[in-house]
Each structure stands twice: as C-alpha cells, then as structure tokens.
C-alpha cells in the first residue's frame, strides 16, 4: 500500500523537455544558457539525422534536449 511507504523515493525524473529551433544560433544560445551551472550530458553538435542536437541537465536538475530542425 502506498501509505506504508515511510520515506518518499526520489531517484530523479524521467521527463525530458525538448526545444526545437529553426536556426543553429538560437539553439546554441538556448543550450549554453540552460547548461550554465548545470551538466552537459551530450555536447551540442551535428548528429547522424542531420540536425544539431545536445542534451543537458540544468542547475535545478531538469533534463533538456535542444535540437534544430533537420536539414
């Protein structure tokens, strides 16, 4: 039963927020701003499907995926 749990279990979040931009410059600016004080999980770079993509954890523990429209 849920009421039998004495301490809440918080192991993070499975929620990833995705922002997609038309331009690489806008996407890079968002990536750099959100990663300031956080942790880069995957550098912002060109990926095999043709877009720019990066993944980060912000200073508050939120996980973000920043991408551009694929070419």
PDB file of N, CA and C in Angstrom:
ATOM      1  N   UNK A   1       0.826  -1.183   0.000  1.00  0.00           N
ATOM      2  CA  UNK A   1       0.000   0.000   0.000  1.00  0.00           C
ATOM      3  C   UNK A   1       0.871   1.248   0.000  1.00  0.00           C
ATOM      4  N   UNK A   2       0.402   2.260  -0.667  1.00  0.00           N
ATOM      5  CA  UNK A   2       1.164   3.498  -0.769  1.00  0.00           C
ATOM      6  C   UNK A   2       1.360   4.155   0.587  1.00  0.00           C
ATOM      7  N   UNK A   3       0.396   3.999   1.483  1.00  0.00           N
ATOM      8  CA  UNK A   3       0.538   4.634   2.793  1.00  0.00           C
ATOM      9  C   UNK A   3       1.537   3.913   3.696  1.00  0.00           C
ATOM     10  N   UNK A   4       2.045   2.767   3.280  1.00  0.00           N
ATOM     11  CA  UNK A   4       3.023   2.027   4.065  1.00  0.00           C
ATOM     12  C   UNK A   4       4.450   2.501   3.808  1.00  0.00           C
ATOM     13  N   UNK A   5       4.651   3.320   2.794  1.00  0.00           N
ATOM     14  CA  UNK A   5       5.985   3.829   2.480  1.00  0.00           C
ATOM     15  C   UNK A   5       6.334   4.915   3.492  1.00  0.00           C
ATOM     16  N   UNK A   6       7.458   4.733   4.185  1.00  0.00           N
ATOM     17  CA  UNK A   6       7.848   5.683   5.228  1.00  0.00           C
ATOM     18  C   UNK A   6       8.541   6.917   4.674  1.00  0.00           C
ATOM     19  N   UNK A   7       9.383   6.742   3.658  1.00  0.00           N
ATOM     20  CA  UNK A   7      10.089   7.872   3.058  1.00  0.00           C
ATOM     21  C   UNK A   7       9.834   7.884   1.558  1.00  0.00           C
ATOM     22  N   UNK A   8       9.584   9.069   1.006  1.00  0.00           N
ATOM     23  CA  UNK A   8       9.393   9.118  -0.451  1.00  0.00           C
ATOM     24  C   UNK A   8      10.693   8.757  -1.167  1.00  0.00           C
ATOM     25  N   UNK A   9      10.557   8.092  -2.275  1.00  0.00           N
ATOM     26  CA  UNK A   9      11.710   7.715  -3.074  1.00  0.00           C
ATOM     27  C   UNK A   9      11.792   8.669  -4.255  1.00  0.00           C
ATOM     28  N   UNK A  10      12.863   9.447  -4.304  1.00  0.00           N
ATOM     29  CA  UNK A  10      13.079  10.396  -5.402  1.00  0.00           C
ATOM     30  C   UNK A  10      14.394  10.037  -6.074  1.00  0.00           C
ATOM     31  N   UNK A  11      14.325   9.406  -7.203  1.00  0.00           N
ATOM     32  CA  UNK A  11      15.525   8.998  -7.928  1.00  0.00           C
ATOM     33  C   UNK A  11      15.688   9.791  -9.206  1.00  0.00           C
ATOM     34  N   UNK A  12      15.117  10.948  -9.269  1.00  0.00           N
ATOM     35  CA  UNK A  12      15.232  11.735 -10.489  1.00  0.00           C
ATOM     36  C   UNK A  12      13.933  11.724 -11.256  1.00  0.00           C
ATOM     37  N   UNK A  13      14.030  12.203 -12.452  1.00  0.00           N
ATOM     38  CA  UNK A  13      12.841  12.328 -13.283  1.00  0.00           C
ATOM     39  C   UNK A  13      13.089  11.670 -14.626  1.00  0.00           C
ATOM     40  N   UNK A  14      12.081  11.064 -15.152  1.00  0.00           N
ATOM     41  CA  UNK A  14      12.172  10.500 -16.493  1.00  0.00           C
ATOM     42  C   UNK A  14      11.667  11.479 -17.537  1.00  0.00           C
ATOM     43  N   UNK A  15      11.412  12.701 -17.117  1.00  0.00           N
ATOM     44  CA  UNK A  15      10.893  13.724 -18.004  1.00  0.00           C
ATOM     45  C   UNK A  15      12.037  14.459 -18.692  1.00  0.00           C
ATOM     46  N   UNK A  16      12.028  14.485 -19.999  1.00  0.00           N
ATOM     47  CA  UNK A  16      12.984  15.240 -20.806  1.00  0.00           C
ATOM     48  C   UNK A  16      12.196  16.298 -21.567  1.00  0.00           C
ATOM     49  N   UNK A  17      12.605  17.542 -21.429  1.00  0.00           N
ATOM     50  CA  UNK A  17      11.965  18.626 -22.152  1.00  0.00           C
ATOM     51  C   UNK A  17      12.742  18.876 -23.439  1.00  0.00           C
ATOM     52  N   UNK A  18      12.023  19.039 -24.543  1.00  0.00           N
ATOM     53  CA  UNK A  18      12.664  19.210 -25.848  1.00  0.00           C
ATOM     54  C   UNK A  18      12.311  20.577 -26.411  1.00  0.00           C
ATOM     55  N   UNK A  19      13.339  21.308 -26.838  1.00  0.00           N
ATOM     56  CA  UNK A  19      13.151  22.572 -27.540  1.00  0.00           C
ATOM     57  C   UNK A  19      13.752  22.427 -28.927  1.00  0.00           C
ATOM     58  N   UNK A  20      12.970  22.744 -29.959  1.00  0.00           N
ATOM     59  CA  UNK A  20      13.447  22.669 -31.333  1.00  0.00           C
ATOM     60  C   UNK A  20      13.451  24.073 -31.925  1.00  0.00           C
ATOM     61  N   UNK A  21      14.580  24.434 -32.544  1.00  0.00           N
ATOM     62  CA  UNK A  21      14.756  25.761 -33.122  1.00  0.00           C
ATOM     63  C   UNK A  21      14.978  25.664 -34.624  1.00  0.00           C
ATOM     64  N   UNK A  22      14.623  26.732 -35.330  1.00  0.00           N
ATOM     65  CA  UNK A  22      14.858  26.791 -36.775  1.00  0.00           C
ATOM     66  C   UNK A  22      16.328  27.045 -37.074  1.00  0.00           C
ATOM     67  N   UNK A  23      17.000  27.850 -36.234  1.00  0.00           N
ATOM     68  CA  UNK A  23      18.397  28.185 -36.523  1.00  0.00           C
ATOM     69  C   UNK A  23      19.343  27.574 -35.493  1.00  0.00           C
ATOM     70  N   UNK A  24      20.540  27.287 -35.968  1.00  0.00           N
ATOM     71  CA  UNK A  24      21.583  26.757 -35.084  1.00  0.00           C
ATOM     72  C   UNK A  24      21.976  27.786 -34.022  1.00  0.00           C
ATOM     73  N   UNK A  25      22.019  29.055 -34.399  1.00  0.00           N
ATOM     74  CA  UNK A  25      22.414  30.104 -33.450  1.00  0.00           C
ATOM     75  C   UNK A  25      21.449  30.185 -32.270  1.00  0.00           C
ATOM     76  N   UNK A  26      20.143  30.150 -32.560  1.00  0.00           N
ATOM     77  CA  UNK A  26      19.145  30.184 -31.484  1.00  0.00           C
ATOM     78  C   UNK A  26      19.271  28.958 -30.582  1.00  0.00           C
ATOM     79  N   UNK A  27      19.439  27.803 -31.193  1.00  0.00           N
ATOM     80  CA  UNK A  27      19.546  26.560 -30.429  1.00  0.00           C
ATOM     81  C   UNK A  27      20.799  26.567 -29.562  1.00  0.00           C
ATOM     82  N   UNK A  28      21.907  27.026 -30.115  1.00  0.00           N
ATOM     83  CA  UNK A  28      23.168  27.069 -29.359  1.00  0.00           C
ATOM     84  C   UNK A  28      23.050  28.030 -28.173  1.00  0.00           C
ATOM     85  N   UNK A  29      22.401  29.160 -28.380  1.00  0.00           N
ATOM     86  CA  UNK A  29      22.203  30.134 -27.301  1.00  0.00           C
ATOM     87  C   UNK A  29      21.375  29.511 -26.164  1.00  0.00           C
ATOM     88  N   UNK A  30      20.309  28.801 -26.514  1.00  0.00           N
ATOM     89  CA  UNK A  30      19.488  28.130 -25.500  1.00  0.00           C
ATOM     90  C   UNK A  30      20.291  27.064 -24.768  1.00  0.00           C
ATOM     91  N   UNK A  31      21.056  26.271 -25.520  1.00  0.00           N
ATOM     92  CA  UNK A  31      21.866  25.202 -24.926  1.00  0.00           C
ATOM     93  C   UNK A  31      22.877  25.777 -23.938  1.00  0.00           C
ATOM     94  N   UNK A  32      23.587  26.814 -24.359  1.00  0.00           N
ATOM     95  CA  UNK A  32      24.603  27.413 -23.494  1.00  0.00           C
ATOM     96  C   UNK A  32      23.977  28.050 -22.257  1.00  0.00           C
ATOM     97  N   UNK A  33      22.839  28.706 -22.426  1.00  0.00           N
ATOM     98  CA  UNK A  33      22.168  29.335 -21.291  1.00  0.00           C
ATOM     99  C   UNK A  33      21.658  28.326 -20.277  1.00  0.00           C
ATOM    100  N   UNK A  34      21.030  27.262 -20.767  1.00  0.00           N
ATOM    101  CA  UNK A  34      20.480  26.248 -19.859  1.00  0.00           C
ATOM    102  C   UNK A  34      21.565  25.412 -19.201  1.00  0.00           C
ATOM    103  N   UNK A  35      22.692  25.237 -19.878  1.00  0.00           N
ATOM    104  CA  UNK A  35      23.757  24.408 -19.303  1.00  0.00           C
ATOM    105  C   UNK A  35      24.632  25.181 -18.320  1.00  0.00           C
ATOM    106  N   UNK A  36      24.499  26.513 -18.281  1.00  0.00           N
ATOM    107  CA  UNK A  36      25.277  27.323 -17.347  1.00  0.00           C
ATOM    108  C   UNK A  36      24.926  26.916 -15.910  1.00  0.00           C
ATOM    109  N   UNK A  37      25.890  26.409 -15.183  1.00  0.00           N
ATOM    110  CA  UNK A  37      25.656  25.947 -13.813  1.00  0.00           C
ATOM    111  C   UNK A  37      25.137  24.529 -13.744  1.00  0.00           C
ATOM    112  N   UNK A  38      24.960  23.897 -14.898  1.00  0.00           N
ATOM    113  CA  UNK A  38      24.438  22.529 -14.953  1.00  0.00           C
ATOM    114  C   UNK A  38      25.489  21.561 -15.453  1.00  0.00           C
ATOM    115  N   UNK A  39      25.021  20.518 -16.143  1.00  0.00           N
ATOM    116  CA  UNK A  39      25.899  19.447 -16.595  1.00  0.00           C
ATOM    117  C   UNK A  39      25.538  19.059 -18.029  1.00  0.00           C
ATOM    118  N   UNK A  40      26.510  19.137 -18.931  1.00  0.00           N
ATOM    119  CA  UNK A  40      26.271  18.731 -20.321  1.00  0.00           C
ATOM    120  C   UNK A  40      26.305  17.204 -20.385  1.00  0.00           C
ATOM    121  N   UNK A  41      25.211  16.607 -20.824  1.00  0.00           N
ATOM    122  CA  UNK A  41      25.111  15.154 -20.942  1.00  0.00           C
ATOM    123  C   UNK A  41      25.536  14.674 -22.325  1.00  0.00           C
ATOM    124  N   UNK A  42      25.278  15.506 -23.341  1.00  0.00           N
ATOM    125  CA  UNK A  42      25.682  15.223 -24.715  1.00  0.00           C
ATOM    126  C   UNK A  42      25.962  16.567 -25.366  1.00  0.00           C
ATOM    127  N   UNK A  43      27.185  16.786 -25.844  1.00  0.00           N
ATOM    128  CA  UNK A  43      27.529  18.096 -26.418  1.00  0.00           C
ATOM    129  C   UNK A  43      26.600  18.474 -27.576  1.00  0.00           C
ATOM    130  N   UNK A  44      26.440  19.780 -27.770  1.00  0.00           N
ATOM    131  CA  UNK A  44      25.619  20.289 -28.857  1.00  0.00           C
ATOM    132  C   UNK A  44      26.434  20.204 -30.140  1.00  0.00           C
ATOM    133  N   UNK A  45      26.063  19.277 -31.016  1.00  0.00           N
ATOM    134  CA  UNK A  45      26.812  19.052 -32.257  1.00  0.00           C
ATOM    135  C   UNK A  45      25.910  18.403 -33.306  1.00  0.00           C
ATOM    136  N   UNK A  46      26.422  18.326 -34.527  1.00  0.00           N
ATOM    137  CA  UNK A  46      25.664  17.700 -35.616  1.00  0.00           C
ATOM    138  C   UNK A  46      25.553  16.203 -35.355  1.00  0.00           C
ATOM    139  N   UNK A  47      24.349  15.663 -35.553  1.00  0.00           N
ATOM    140  CA  UNK A  47      24.087  14.243 -35.320  1.00  0.00           C
ATOM    141  C   UNK A  47      23.707  13.560 -36.632  1.00  0.00           C
ATOM    142  N   UNK A  48      23.670  12.243 -36.611  1.00  0.00           N
ATOM    143  CA  UNK A  48      23.502  11.457 -37.836  1.00  0.00           C
ATOM    144  C   UNK A  48      22.220  11.748 -38.607  1.00  0.00           C
ATOM    145  N   UNK A  49      21.178  12.244 -37.961  1.00  0.00           N
ATOM    146  CA  UNK A  49      19.933  12.512 -38.695  1.00  0.00           C
ATOM    147  C   UNK A  49      19.926  13.910 -39.316  1.00  0.00           C
ATOM    148  N   UNK A  50      21.041  14.651 -39.225  1.00  0.00           N
ATOM    149  CA  UNK A  50      21.191  15.909 -39.941  1.00  0.00           C
ATOM    150  C   UNK A  50      20.915  17.164 -39.141  1.00  0.00           C
ATOM    151  N   UNK A  51      20.483  17.035 -37.923  1.00  0.00           N
ATOM    152  CA  UNK A  51      20.204  18.199 -37.088  1.00  0.00           C
ATOM    153  C   UNK A  51      21.368  18.452 -36.133  1.00  0.00           C
ATOM    154  N   UNK A  52      21.332  19.597 -35.503  1.00  0.00           N
ATOM    155  CA  UNK A  52      22.212  19.871 -34.365  1.00  0.00           C
ATOM    156  C   UNK A  52      21.437  19.414 -33.133  1.00  0.00           C
ATOM    157  N   UNK A  53      22.125  18.809 -32.178  1.00  0.00           N
ATOM    158  CA  UNK A  53      21.439  18.232 -31.025  1.00  0.00           C
ATOM    159  C   UNK A  53      22.374  18.217 -29.826  1.00  0.00           C
ATOM    160  N   UNK A  54      21.826  18.470 -28.663  1.00  0.00           N
ATOM    161  CA  UNK A  54      22.566  18.353 -27.413  1.00  0.00           C
ATOM    162  C   UNK A  54      21.605  18.073 -26.276  1.00  0.00           C
ATOM    163  N   UNK A  55      22.127  17.480 -25.226  1.00  0.00           N
ATOM    164  CA  UNK A  55      21.310  17.110 -24.064  1.00  0.00           C
ATOM    165  C   UNK A  55      22.028  17.580 -22.809  1.00  0.00           C
ATOM    166  N   UNK A  56      21.288  18.135 -21.871  1.00  0.00           N
ATOM    167  CA  UNK A  56      21.892  18.688 -20.666  1.00  0.00           C
ATOM    168  C   UNK A  56      20.971  18.569 -19.462  1.00  0.00           C
ATOM    169  N   UNK A  57      21.576  18.680 -18.302  1.00  0.00           N
ATOM    170  CA  UNK A  57      20.826  18.789 -17.053  1.00  0.00           C
ATOM    171  C   UNK A  57      21.073  20.198 -16.540  1.00  0.00           C
ATOM    172  N   UNK A  58      20.006  20.970 -16.308  1.00  0.00           N
ATOM    173  CA  UNK A  58      20.189  22.345 -15.847  1.00  0.00           C
ATOM    174  C   UNK A  58      20.538  22.375 -14.359  1.00  0.00           C
ATOM    175  N   UNK A  59      20.776  23.545 -13.845  1.00  0.00           N
ATOM    176  CA  UNK A  59      21.192  23.696 -12.452  1.00  0.00           C
ATOM    177  C   UNK A  59      20.140  23.246 -11.442  1.00  0.00           C
ATOM    178  N   UNK A  60      18.905  23.049 -11.886  1.00  0.00           N
ATOM    179  CA  UNK A  60      17.831  22.616 -10.997  1.00  0.00           C
ATOM    180  C   UNK A  60      17.503  21.131 -11.152  1.00  0.00           C
ATOM    181  N   UNK A  61      18.244  20.439 -12.021  1.00  0.00           N
ATOM    182  CA  UNK A  61      18.018  19.010 -12.221  1.00  0.00           C
ATOM    183  C   UNK A  61      17.105  18.674 -13.380  1.00  0.00           C
ATOM    184  N   UNK A  62      16.640  19.688 -14.108  1.00  0.00           N
ATOM    185  CA  UNK A  62      15.793  19.437 -15.279  1.00  0.00           C
ATOM    186  C   UNK A  62      16.631  18.945 -16.446  1.00  0.00           C
ATOM    187  N   UNK A  63      16.114  17.973 -17.183  1.00  0.00           N
ATOM    188  CA  UNK A  63      16.816  17.427 -18.346  1.00  0.00           C
ATOM    189  C   UNK A  63      16.222  18.065 -19.609  1.00  0.00           C
ATOM    190  N   UNK A  64      17.108  18.596 -20.449  1.00  0.00           N
ATOM    191  CA  UNK A  64      16.712  19.282 -21.671  1.00  0.00           C
ATOM    192  C   UNK A  64      17.388  18.649 -22.877  1.00  0.00           C
ATOM    193  N   UNK A  65      16.639  18.564 -23.966  1.00  0.00           N
ATOM    194  CA  UNK A  65      17.178  18.180 -25.263  1.00  0.00           C
ATOM    195  C   UNK A  65      16.939  19.362 -26.193  1.00  0.00           C
ATOM    196  N   UNK A  66      18.026  19.906 -26.720  1.00  0.00           N
ATOM    197  CA  UNK A  66      17.952  21.073 -27.598  1.00  0.00           C
ATOM    198  C   UNK A  66      18.317  20.607 -29.006  1.00  0.00           C
ATOM    199  N   UNK A  67      17.498  20.944 -29.968  1.00  0.00           N
ATOM    200  CA  UNK A  67      17.724  20.475 -31.337  1.00  0.00           C
ATOM    201  C   UNK A  67      17.324  21.534 -32.351  1.00  0.00           C
ATOM    202  N   UNK A  68      17.813  21.354 -33.555  1.00  0.00           N
ATOM    203  CA  UNK A  68      17.385  22.176 -34.681  1.00  0.00           C
ATOM    204  C   UNK A  68      16.549  21.299 -35.605  1.00  0.00           C
ATOM    205  N   UNK A  69      15.802  21.955 -36.475  1.00  0.00           N
ATOM    206  CA  UNK A  69      15.081  21.209 -37.492  1.00  0.00           C
ATOM    207  C   UNK A  69      16.105  20.495 -38.366  1.00  0.00           C
ATOM    208  N   UNK A  70      15.821  19.282 -38.750  1.00  0.00           N
ATOM    209  CA  UNK A  70      16.790  18.542 -39.585  1.00  0.00           C
ATOM    210  C   UNK A  70      16.790  19.108 -41.002  1.00  0.00           C
ATOM    211  N   UNK A  71      17.932  18.980 -41.620  1.00  0.00           N
ATOM    212  CA  UNK A  71      18.109  19.542 -42.965  1.00  0.00           C
ATOM    213  C   UNK A  71      17.663  18.586 -44.033  1.00  0.00           C
TER     214      UNK A  71
END
